[in-house]
Amino acid sequence: MLHEARQPLSVFEEVLALFSRGGAEAYIGEPVSVKEHALQSAFFAQQARATPALVVAALLHDVGHIVEDVPDNIDEWTEDARHEEVGSRWLAQRFGPAVAEPVRLHVAAKRYLCATNAAYFAKLSSASVHTLQLQGGPMSPSEVALFEKETHFKDALRVRVWDDRGKVAGLATPSLEDYRSLVESLQETRR
């Protein structure tokens, strides 16, 4: 009996599978789930008329939390999970740098904003303040200068703002399925 070869999952099907596995979990110390946070971040990107790549980056900026298991309880975090690097590597295998690079830089963007905008720190949630300390705290002046030389640093700042806003309990947003065509239009052909 011959078996048909299974077709590999599309990138969107991979995203669905990841969110099915870890999307219902509480989003580290916030009043939303991982999936709600992702959808809200993408929603705010769309409201800002972001490019398609930045909408997908906002949607998937925390994919590193799902790809690798991290403790659900923020109090159990004793070191940085480096989810931005994990997520960026995962995204770089599926999308171009316009999606992966802002994700890689979105934690650095928080550190940058804390160093360059006195009002920004006051707006952080308690969970973000906790992770900021694990991530190295506000940037030094030399780190700020290096960050500003990154090609996608301005996009990372935008993703960071949408990330910070995407923590609203009960906010109505488009569904994950509503992003299918956008994700599929940006996926790169696998080698």
N, C-alpha and C. Protein backbone atom coordinates (compact mmCIF):
# COMPACT_ATOMS: atom_id res chain seq x y z
N MET A 1 0.84 -1.17 0.00
CA MET A 1 0.00 0.00 0.00
C MET A 1 0.89 1.24 0.00
N LEU A 2 0.65 2.11 -0.96
CA LEU A 2 1.44 3.33 -1.08
C LEU A 2 0.84 4.42 -0.21
N HIS A 3 1.71 5.15 0.45
CA HIS A 3 1.25 6.29 1.25
C HIS A 3 1.60 7.57 0.51
N GLU A 4 0.68 8.48 0.52
CA GLU A 4 0.95 9.78 -0.08
C GLU A 4 1.91 10.54 0.82
N ALA A 5 2.82 11.23 0.21
CA ALA A 5 3.75 12.06 0.98
C ALA A 5 2.97 13.22 1.59
N ARG A 6 3.24 13.46 2.85
CA ARG A 6 2.56 14.57 3.52
C ARG A 6 3.19 15.88 3.10
N GLN A 7 2.36 16.80 2.77
CA GLN A 7 2.83 18.14 2.42
C GLN A 7 3.27 18.85 3.70
N PRO A 8 4.37 19.59 3.64
CA PRO A 8 4.77 20.34 4.83
C PRO A 8 3.71 21.39 5.15
N LEU A 9 3.65 21.75 6.41
CA LEU A 9 2.70 22.78 6.82
C LEU A 9 3.08 24.11 6.19
N SER A 10 2.08 24.89 5.84
CA SER A 10 2.36 26.26 5.41
C SER A 10 2.80 27.05 6.64
N VAL A 11 3.39 28.19 6.43
CA VAL A 11 3.81 29.02 7.56
C VAL A 11 2.60 29.38 8.42
N PHE A 12 1.50 29.71 7.79
CA PHE A 12 0.32 30.06 8.58
C PHE A 12 -0.17 28.87 9.39
N GLU A 13 -0.13 27.68 8.82
CA GLU A 13 -0.52 26.49 9.57
C GLU A 13 0.42 26.26 10.75
N GLU A 14 1.71 26.56 10.57
CA GLU A 14 2.65 26.47 11.69
C GLU A 14 2.28 27.47 12.79
N VAL A 15 1.93 28.68 12.38
CA VAL A 15 1.52 29.71 13.34
C VAL A 15 0.27 29.25 14.09
N LEU A 16 -0.72 28.72 13.36
CA LEU A 16 -1.92 28.20 14.01
C LEU A 16 -1.59 27.11 15.03
N ALA A 17 -0.70 26.21 14.64
CA ALA A 17 -0.31 25.12 15.53
C ALA A 17 0.37 25.66 16.79
N LEU A 18 1.23 26.64 16.63
CA LEU A 18 1.91 27.23 17.79
C LEU A 18 0.91 27.89 18.73
N PHE A 19 0.00 28.67 18.16
CA PHE A 19 -0.99 29.34 19.02
C PHE A 19 -1.99 28.36 19.61
N SER A 20 -2.25 27.25 18.92
CA SER A 20 -3.11 26.21 19.50
C SER A 20 -2.44 25.58 20.71
N ARG A 21 -1.13 25.44 20.63
CA ARG A 21 -0.36 24.83 21.72
C ARG A 21 -0.15 25.79 22.89
N GLY A 22 0.18 27.05 22.62
CA GLY A 22 0.54 27.95 23.70
C GLY A 22 -0.18 29.28 23.74
N GLY A 23 -1.12 29.49 22.86
CA GLY A 23 -1.80 30.78 22.78
C GLY A 23 -2.80 31.08 23.88
N ALA A 24 -3.34 30.04 24.51
CA ALA A 24 -4.34 30.26 25.55
C ALA A 24 -3.72 30.56 26.91
N GLU A 25 -2.40 30.34 27.01
CA GLU A 25 -1.71 30.61 28.28
C GLU A 25 -1.80 32.09 28.63
N ALA A 26 -1.79 32.39 29.91
CA ALA A 26 -1.76 33.78 30.35
C ALA A 26 -0.47 34.42 29.85
N TYR A 27 -0.56 35.66 29.42
CA TYR A 27 0.62 36.37 28.94
C TYR A 27 1.34 36.98 30.13
N ILE A 28 2.39 36.35 30.53
CA ILE A 28 3.28 36.71 31.64
C ILE A 28 2.89 37.95 32.45
N GLY A 29 2.04 37.75 33.42
CA GLY A 29 1.69 38.81 34.35
C GLY A 29 0.75 39.87 33.82
N GLU A 30 0.12 39.62 32.70
CA GLU A 30 -0.79 40.60 32.09
C GLU A 30 -2.21 40.04 32.07
N PRO A 31 -3.22 40.91 31.87
CA PRO A 31 -4.62 40.45 31.91
C PRO A 31 -5.12 39.86 30.60
N VAL A 32 -4.21 39.38 29.75
CA VAL A 32 -4.57 38.81 28.45
C VAL A 32 -3.81 37.51 28.24
N SER A 33 -4.27 36.71 27.29
CA SER A 33 -3.55 35.49 26.92
C SER A 33 -2.46 35.85 25.92
N VAL A 34 -1.59 34.90 25.66
CA VAL A 34 -0.53 35.08 24.66
C VAL A 34 -1.15 35.43 23.30
N LYS A 35 -2.19 34.71 22.94
CA LYS A 35 -2.85 34.94 21.65
C LYS A 35 -3.53 36.31 21.62
N GLU A 36 -4.22 36.69 22.70
CA GLU A 36 -4.86 38.01 22.74
C GLU A 36 -3.82 39.12 22.61
N HIS A 37 -2.69 38.95 23.28
CA HIS A 37 -1.62 39.94 23.21
C HIS A 37 -1.12 40.08 21.77
N ALA A 38 -0.91 38.96 21.10
CA ALA A 38 -0.45 38.98 19.72
C ALA A 38 -1.46 39.68 18.81
N LEU A 39 -2.72 39.31 18.96
CA LEU A 39 -3.77 39.90 18.12
C LEU A 39 -3.93 41.39 18.40
N GLN A 40 -3.82 41.79 19.65
CA GLN A 40 -3.94 43.21 19.98
C GLN A 40 -2.76 44.01 19.42
N SER A 41 -1.57 43.46 19.52
CA SER A 41 -0.38 44.14 18.97
C SER A 41 -0.54 44.33 17.47
N ALA A 42 -0.99 43.30 16.77
CA ALA A 42 -1.22 43.41 15.32
C ALA A 42 -2.34 44.40 15.01
N PHE A 43 -3.38 44.40 15.81
CA PHE A 43 -4.49 45.33 15.64
C PHE A 43 -3.99 46.78 15.73
N PHE A 44 -3.17 47.06 16.74
CA PHE A 44 -2.64 48.43 16.87
C PHE A 44 -1.70 48.78 15.72
N ALA A 45 -0.98 47.81 15.20
CA ALA A 45 -0.14 48.04 14.02
C ALA A 45 -1.00 48.41 12.82
N GLN A 46 -2.10 47.69 12.65
CA GLN A 46 -3.02 48.00 11.54
C GLN A 46 -3.63 49.38 11.72
N GLN A 47 -4.01 49.71 12.95
CA GLN A 47 -4.58 51.03 13.22
C GLN A 47 -3.60 52.14 12.87
N ALA A 48 -2.30 51.87 13.01
CA ALA A 48 -1.25 52.84 12.69
C ALA A 48 -0.87 52.82 11.21
N ARG A 49 -1.58 52.02 10.43
CA ARG A 49 -1.32 51.87 8.99
C ARG A 49 0.11 51.41 8.72
N ALA A 50 0.55 50.46 9.51
CA ALA A 50 1.89 49.89 9.35
C ALA A 50 1.97 49.08 8.06
N THR A 51 3.18 48.85 7.61
CA THR A 51 3.40 48.00 6.44
C THR A 51 2.94 46.58 6.77
N PRO A 52 2.63 45.78 5.76
CA PRO A 52 2.26 44.38 6.03
C PRO A 52 3.33 43.65 6.85
N ALA A 53 4.61 43.88 6.55
CA ALA A 53 5.67 43.19 7.30
C ALA A 53 5.65 43.58 8.78
N LEU A 54 5.37 44.84 9.08
CA LEU A 54 5.32 45.26 10.49
C LEU A 54 4.07 44.74 11.20
N VAL A 55 2.98 44.59 10.48
CA VAL A 55 1.79 43.99 11.09
C VAL A 55 2.10 42.55 11.48
N VAL A 56 2.75 41.80 10.59
CA VAL A 56 3.12 40.41 10.90
C VAL A 56 4.16 40.38 12.02
N ALA A 57 5.11 41.30 12.01
CA ALA A 57 6.09 41.36 13.10
C ALA A 57 5.39 41.63 14.43
N ALA A 58 4.42 42.52 14.44
CA ALA A 58 3.67 42.80 15.67
C ALA A 58 2.89 41.56 16.11
N LEU A 59 2.27 40.89 15.16
CA LEU A 59 1.50 39.68 15.46
C LEU A 59 2.39 38.60 16.07
N LEU A 60 3.60 38.45 15.55
CA LEU A 60 4.46 37.32 15.92
C LEU A 60 5.67 37.74 16.77
N HIS A 61 5.65 38.94 17.33
CA HIS A 61 6.83 39.43 18.05
C HIS A 61 7.20 38.57 19.27
N ASP A 62 6.24 37.88 19.84
CA ASP A 62 6.52 37.04 21.01
C ASP A 62 6.47 35.55 20.70
N VAL A 63 6.60 35.18 19.43
CA VAL A 63 6.55 33.77 19.05
C VAL A 63 7.63 32.97 19.78
N GLY A 64 8.71 33.60 20.17
CA GLY A 64 9.77 32.91 20.91
C GLY A 64 9.31 32.37 22.25
N HIS A 65 8.27 33.00 22.84
CA HIS A 65 7.70 32.48 24.09
C HIS A 65 6.97 31.16 23.87
N ILE A 66 6.46 30.96 22.65
CA ILE A 66 5.70 29.74 22.36
C ILE A 66 6.61 28.65 21.81
N VAL A 67 7.58 29.05 20.98
CA VAL A 67 8.51 28.09 20.39
C VAL A 67 9.28 27.35 21.47
N GLU A 68 9.70 28.08 22.50
CA GLU A 68 10.38 27.47 23.64
C GLU A 68 9.54 27.73 24.88
N ASP A 69 9.37 26.72 25.69
CA ASP A 69 8.57 26.87 26.90
C ASP A 69 9.27 27.79 27.89
N VAL A 70 8.48 28.71 28.45
CA VAL A 70 8.96 29.59 29.51
C VAL A 70 7.96 29.51 30.66
N PRO A 71 8.38 29.79 31.89
CA PRO A 71 7.44 29.74 33.01
C PRO A 71 6.27 30.69 32.80
N ASP A 72 5.07 30.24 33.15
CA ASP A 72 3.88 31.08 33.03
C ASP A 72 3.88 32.20 34.07
N ASN A 73 4.38 31.90 35.26
CA ASN A 73 4.36 32.86 36.36
C ASN A 73 5.59 33.75 36.28
N ILE A 74 5.38 35.04 36.13
CA ILE A 74 6.47 36.00 35.99
C ILE A 74 7.41 35.96 37.20
N ASP A 75 6.88 35.62 38.36
CA ASP A 75 7.72 35.56 39.56
C ASP A 75 8.75 34.44 39.49
N GLU A 76 8.54 33.46 38.61
CA GLU A 76 9.48 32.35 38.46
C GLU A 76 10.62 32.69 37.49
N TRP A 77 10.56 33.84 36.86
CA TRP A 77 11.59 34.23 35.91
C TRP A 77 12.79 34.78 36.68
N THR A 78 13.89 34.08 36.61
CA THR A 78 15.10 34.53 37.28
C THR A 78 16.17 34.96 36.28
N GLU A 79 15.94 34.70 35.01
CA GLU A 79 16.85 35.16 33.97
C GLU A 79 16.04 35.41 32.71
N ASP A 80 16.62 36.20 31.83
CA ASP A 80 15.95 36.55 30.58
C ASP A 80 15.83 35.32 29.68
N ALA A 81 14.65 35.10 29.13
CA ALA A 81 14.41 33.95 28.24
C ALA A 81 14.97 34.19 26.84
N ARG A 82 15.36 35.41 26.52
CA ARG A 82 15.89 35.78 25.21
C ARG A 82 14.92 35.38 24.08
N HIS A 83 13.63 35.56 24.38
CA HIS A 83 12.59 35.16 23.42
C HIS A 83 12.69 35.92 22.11
N GLU A 84 13.23 37.12 22.13
CA GLU A 84 13.36 37.90 20.90
C GLU A 84 14.34 37.23 19.94
N GLU A 85 15.38 36.61 20.47
CA GLU A 85 16.34 35.91 19.61
C GLU A 85 15.76 34.60 19.08
N VAL A 86 15.10 33.87 19.97
CA VAL A 86 14.46 32.61 19.57
C VAL A 86 13.42 32.88 18.49
N GLY A 87 12.57 33.87 18.74
CA GLY A 87 11.52 34.21 17.79
C GLY A 87 12.06 34.72 16.47
N SER A 88 13.08 35.56 16.54
CA SER A 88 13.66 36.10 15.31
C SER A 88 14.28 35.01 14.45
N ARG A 89 14.96 34.06 15.09
CA ARG A 89 15.53 32.94 14.31
C ARG A 89 14.42 32.14 13.63
N TRP A 90 13.35 31.87 14.38
CA TRP A 90 12.23 31.11 13.83
C TRP A 90 11.62 31.89 12.65
N LEU A 91 11.43 33.18 12.82
CA LEU A 91 10.83 34.01 11.77
C LEU A 91 11.75 34.16 10.56
N ALA A 92 13.06 34.26 10.80
CA ALA A 92 14.01 34.43 9.70
C ALA A 92 14.00 33.23 8.76
N GLN A 93 13.61 32.06 9.26
CA GLN A 93 13.52 30.87 8.42
C GLN A 93 12.26 30.87 7.57
N ARG A 94 11.35 31.79 7.85
CA ARG A 94 10.06 31.79 7.18
C ARG A 94 9.74 33.11 6.46
N PHE A 95 10.35 34.19 6.91
CA PHE A 95 10.08 35.53 6.37
C PHE A 95 11.41 36.25 6.14
N GLY A 96 11.32 37.40 5.55
CA GLY A 96 12.52 38.21 5.34
C GLY A 96 12.86 39.04 6.57
N PRO A 97 13.91 39.83 6.47
CA PRO A 97 14.36 40.65 7.59
C PRO A 97 13.35 41.73 8.02
N ALA A 98 12.46 42.15 7.13
CA ALA A 98 11.48 43.16 7.50
C ALA A 98 10.52 42.67 8.58
N VAL A 99 10.37 41.35 8.71
CA VAL A 99 9.57 40.76 9.79
C VAL A 99 10.49 40.34 10.95
N ALA A 100 11.56 39.62 10.64
CA ALA A 100 12.40 39.04 11.69
C ALA A 100 13.21 40.06 12.48
N GLU A 101 13.73 41.08 11.82
CA GLU A 101 14.62 42.02 12.50
C GLU A 101 13.91 42.90 13.55
N PRO A 102 12.74 43.47 13.27
CA PRO A 102 12.07 44.21 14.34
C PRO A 102 11.75 43.33 15.55
N VAL A 103 11.48 42.04 15.32
CA VAL A 103 11.25 41.12 16.42
C VAL A 103 12.54 40.92 17.21
N ARG A 104 13.64 40.73 16.51
CA ARG A 104 14.93 40.57 17.19
C ARG A 104 15.26 41.78 18.06
N LEU A 105 14.84 42.95 17.63
CA LEU A 105 15.19 44.20 18.32
C LEU A 105 14.13 44.73 19.28
N HIS A 106 12.98 44.06 19.42
CA HIS A 106 11.91 44.68 20.21
C HIS A 106 12.19 44.74 21.70
N VAL A 107 13.01 43.84 22.24
CA VAL A 107 13.40 43.93 23.65
C VAL A 107 14.43 45.05 23.81
N ALA A 108 15.37 45.14 22.89
CA ALA A 108 16.34 46.24 22.91
C ALA A 108 15.60 47.58 22.80
N ALA A 109 14.51 47.61 22.04
CA ALA A 109 13.73 48.83 21.90
C ALA A 109 13.16 49.28 23.25
N LYS A 110 12.73 48.34 24.07
CA LYS A 110 12.24 48.70 25.41
C LYS A 110 13.37 49.31 26.23
N ARG A 111 14.52 48.69 26.20
CA ARG A 111 15.69 49.19 26.93
C ARG A 111 16.09 50.58 26.41
N TYR A 112 16.02 50.76 25.10
CA TYR A 112 16.34 52.04 24.47
C TYR A 112 15.36 53.12 24.93
N LEU A 113 14.08 52.82 24.85
CA LEU A 113 13.07 53.81 25.23
C LEU A 113 13.19 54.18 26.71
N CYS A 114 13.52 53.23 27.55
CA CYS A 114 13.72 53.54 28.97
C CYS A 114 14.91 54.47 29.17
N ALA A 115 15.91 54.36 28.32
CA ALA A 115 17.11 55.20 28.42
C ALA A 115 16.92 56.59 27.81
N THR A 116 16.02 56.70 26.84
CA THR A 116 15.91 57.95 26.07
C THR A 116 14.62 58.73 26.31
N ASN A 117 13.66 58.14 27.00
CA ASN A 117 12.36 58.78 27.20
C ASN A 117 11.94 58.60 28.65
N ALA A 118 12.10 59.64 29.44
CA ALA A 118 11.82 59.55 30.88
C ALA A 118 10.38 59.13 31.18
N ALA A 119 9.45 59.51 30.34
CA ALA A 119 8.04 59.17 30.58
C ALA A 119 7.72 57.73 30.23
N TYR A 120 8.54 57.10 29.40
CA TYR A 120 8.24 55.74 28.94
C TYR A 120 8.23 54.74 30.08
N PHE A 121 9.23 54.77 30.93
CA PHE A 121 9.33 53.80 32.02
C PHE A 121 8.07 53.82 32.89
N ALA A 122 7.53 54.99 33.15
CA ALA A 122 6.34 55.11 34.00
C ALA A 122 5.12 54.42 33.41
N LYS A 123 5.12 54.20 32.10
CA LYS A 123 3.98 53.57 31.43
C LYS A 123 4.08 52.04 31.38
N LEU A 124 5.25 51.49 31.75
CA LEU A 124 5.43 50.03 31.68
C LEU A 124 4.57 49.32 32.72
N SER A 125 4.06 48.16 32.33
CA SER A 125 3.34 47.32 33.30
C SER A 125 4.35 46.75 34.28
N SER A 126 3.86 46.26 35.40
CA SER A 126 4.78 45.69 36.41
C SER A 126 5.53 44.48 35.84
N ALA A 127 4.89 43.69 34.98
CA ALA A 127 5.57 42.56 34.35
C ALA A 127 6.69 43.04 33.44
N SER A 128 6.46 44.12 32.69
CA SER A 128 7.50 44.67 31.81
C SER A 128 8.66 45.25 32.61
N VAL A 129 8.37 45.84 33.76
CA VAL A 129 9.44 46.35 34.63
C VAL A 129 10.29 45.19 35.12
N HIS A 130 9.63 44.10 35.52
CA HIS A 130 10.36 42.91 36.00
C HIS A 130 11.26 42.35 34.90
N THR A 131 10.72 42.18 33.69
CA THR A 131 11.54 41.62 32.62
C THR A 131 12.62 42.60 32.18
N LEU A 132 12.36 43.89 32.28
CA LEU A 132 13.38 44.89 31.93
C LEU A 132 14.65 44.66 32.76
N GLN A 133 14.47 44.39 34.02
CA GLN A 133 15.65 44.16 34.88
C GLN A 133 16.39 42.90 34.44
N LEU A 134 15.67 41.86 34.06
CA LEU A 134 16.30 40.63 33.59
C LEU A 134 16.99 40.84 32.24
N GLN A 135 16.50 41.80 31.47
CA GLN A 135 17.01 42.05 30.13
C GLN A 135 18.17 43.05 30.11
N GLY A 136 18.58 43.53 31.27
CA GLY A 136 19.74 44.42 31.34
C GLY A 136 19.43 45.85 31.72
N GLY A 137 18.15 46.17 31.97
CA GLY A 137 17.79 47.53 32.36
C GLY A 137 17.92 48.50 31.20
N PRO A 138 17.75 49.79 31.48
CA PRO A 138 17.89 50.79 30.42
C PRO A 138 19.27 50.74 29.78
N MET A 139 19.34 51.07 28.51
CA MET A 139 20.62 51.04 27.79
C MET A 139 21.56 52.12 28.30
N SER A 140 22.84 51.83 28.18
CA SER A 140 23.88 52.82 28.43
C SER A 140 23.96 53.72 27.20
N PRO A 141 24.62 54.88 27.32
CA PRO A 141 24.77 55.75 26.14
C PRO A 141 25.45 55.04 24.96
N SER A 142 26.42 54.19 25.21
CA SER A 142 27.08 53.49 24.10
C SER A 142 26.12 52.47 23.47
N GLU A 143 25.28 51.81 24.28
CA GLU A 143 24.29 50.87 23.74
C GLU A 143 23.25 51.61 22.91
N VAL A 144 22.85 52.81 23.36
CA VAL A 144 21.91 53.63 22.61
C VAL A 144 22.47 53.94 21.22
N ALA A 145 23.73 54.36 21.18
CA ALA A 145 24.37 54.70 19.90
C ALA A 145 24.43 53.49 18.97
N LEU A 146 24.76 52.32 19.51
CA LEU A 146 24.80 51.10 18.69
C LEU A 146 23.41 50.73 18.19
N PHE A 147 22.42 50.82 19.06
CA PHE A 147 21.05 50.48 18.68
C PHE A 147 20.57 51.37 17.53
N GLU A 148 20.89 52.65 17.59
CA GLU A 148 20.45 53.58 16.55
C GLU A 148 21.11 53.31 15.20
N LYS A 149 22.15 52.50 15.17
CA LYS A 149 22.80 52.12 13.91
C LYS A 149 22.16 50.88 13.28
N GLU A 150 21.30 50.20 14.02
CA GLU A 150 20.61 49.03 13.48
C GLU A 150 19.66 49.45 12.36
N THR A 151 19.69 48.74 11.26
CA THR A 151 18.85 49.07 10.11
C THR A 151 17.37 49.16 10.46
N HIS A 152 16.89 48.26 11.30
CA HIS A 152 15.45 48.19 11.61
C HIS A 152 15.10 48.76 12.98
N PHE A 153 15.94 49.65 13.52
CA PHE A 153 15.66 50.13 14.87
C PHE A 153 14.37 50.92 14.96
N LYS A 154 14.05 51.73 13.96
CA LYS A 154 12.80 52.51 14.02
C LYS A 154 11.58 51.60 13.94
N ASP A 155 11.66 50.55 13.13
CA ASP A 155 10.55 49.58 13.07
C ASP A 155 10.41 48.86 14.40
N ALA A 156 11.53 48.54 15.02
CA ALA A 156 11.49 47.86 16.33
C ALA A 156 10.82 48.75 17.38
N LEU A 157 11.07 50.05 17.32
CA LEU A 157 10.42 50.98 18.26
C LEU A 157 8.91 50.97 18.06
N ARG A 158 8.48 50.90 16.82
CA ARG A 158 7.04 50.87 16.54
C ARG A 158 6.43 49.56 17.07
N VAL A 159 7.09 48.43 16.81
CA VAL A 159 6.60 47.14 17.32
C VAL A 159 6.53 47.20 18.85
N ARG A 160 7.53 47.81 19.47
CA ARG A 160 7.56 47.91 20.94
C ARG A 160 6.34 48.66 21.47
N VAL A 161 5.99 49.76 20.82
CA VAL A 161 4.83 50.56 21.25
C VAL A 161 3.56 49.74 21.15
N TRP A 162 3.41 49.00 20.05
CA TRP A 162 2.22 48.17 19.88
C TRP A 162 2.22 47.03 20.88
N ASP A 163 3.38 46.48 21.17
CA ASP A 163 3.55 45.44 22.19
C ASP A 163 3.07 45.98 23.53
N ASP A 164 3.50 47.17 23.91
CA ASP A 164 3.11 47.76 25.19
C ASP A 164 1.61 48.02 25.27
N ARG A 165 1.00 48.38 24.16
CA ARG A 165 -0.45 48.67 24.15
C ARG A 165 -1.29 47.40 24.17
N GLY A 166 -0.75 46.28 23.69
CA GLY A 166 -1.52 45.06 23.49
C GLY A 166 -1.75 44.24 24.75
N LYS A 167 -2.27 44.89 25.78
CA LYS A 167 -2.47 44.21 27.07
C LYS A 167 -3.81 44.62 27.69
N VAL A 168 -4.83 44.76 26.84
CA VAL A 168 -6.14 45.27 27.27
C VAL A 168 -7.12 44.12 27.40
N ALA A 169 -7.57 43.86 28.61
CA ALA A 169 -8.54 42.79 28.83
C ALA A 169 -9.82 43.07 28.05
N GLY A 170 -10.28 42.07 27.28
CA GLY A 170 -11.55 42.16 26.59
C GLY A 170 -11.58 42.97 25.31
N LEU A 171 -10.46 43.44 24.81
CA LEU A 171 -10.45 44.23 23.59
C LEU A 171 -10.81 43.35 22.39
N ALA A 172 -11.77 43.79 21.60
CA ALA A 172 -12.17 43.06 20.40
C ALA A 172 -11.17 43.34 19.28
N THR A 173 -10.68 42.27 18.65
CA THR A 173 -9.71 42.39 17.56
C THR A 173 -10.09 41.42 16.44
N PRO A 174 -9.46 41.58 15.27
CA PRO A 174 -9.61 40.54 14.26
C PRO A 174 -9.07 39.22 14.80
N SER A 175 -9.51 38.13 14.19
CA SER A 175 -9.05 36.80 14.62
C SER A 175 -7.72 36.46 13.97
N LEU A 176 -7.09 35.42 14.45
CA LEU A 176 -5.85 34.94 13.85
C LEU A 176 -6.07 34.59 12.38
N GLU A 177 -7.19 33.96 12.09
CA GLU A 177 -7.52 33.58 10.71
C GLU A 177 -7.56 34.80 9.79
N ASP A 178 -7.92 35.96 10.31
CA ASP A 178 -7.97 37.17 9.50
C ASP A 178 -6.60 37.59 8.98
N TYR A 179 -5.53 37.03 9.55
CA TYR A 179 -4.17 37.36 9.12
C TYR A 179 -3.57 36.33 8.17
N ARG A 180 -4.35 35.31 7.82
CA ARG A 180 -3.84 34.23 6.96
C ARG A 180 -3.23 34.77 5.66
N SER A 181 -3.99 35.52 4.90
CA SER A 181 -3.49 35.98 3.60
C SER A 181 -2.27 36.89 3.76
N LEU A 182 -2.24 37.70 4.79
CA LEU A 182 -1.10 38.57 5.02
C LEU A 182 0.15 37.77 5.34
N VAL A 183 0.02 36.80 6.23
CA VAL A 183 1.16 35.93 6.58
C VAL A 183 1.62 35.17 5.35
N GLU A 184 0.69 34.58 4.62
CA GLU A 184 1.06 33.79 3.45
C GLU A 184 1.69 34.65 2.36
N SER A 185 1.28 35.90 2.23
CA SER A 185 1.86 36.77 1.19
C SER A 185 3.30 37.15 1.50
N LEU A 186 3.69 37.08 2.77
CA LEU A 186 5.04 37.47 3.17
C LEU A 186 5.99 36.31 3.37
N GLN A 187 5.45 35.09 3.42
CA GLN A 187 6.33 33.95 3.65
C GLN A 187 7.29 33.76 2.49
N GLU A 188 8.51 33.42 2.82
CA GLU A 188 9.51 33.19 1.79
C GLU A 188 9.49 31.72 1.40
N THR A 189 9.87 31.45 0.18
CA THR A 189 9.95 30.09 -0.29
C THR A 189 11.07 29.39 0.45
N ARG A 190 10.78 28.23 0.98
CA ARG A 190 11.80 27.49 1.73
C ARG A 190 12.76 26.83 0.77
N ARG A 191 14.02 26.88 1.16
CA ARG A 191 15.07 26.30 0.33
C ARG A 191 15.12 24.82 0.51
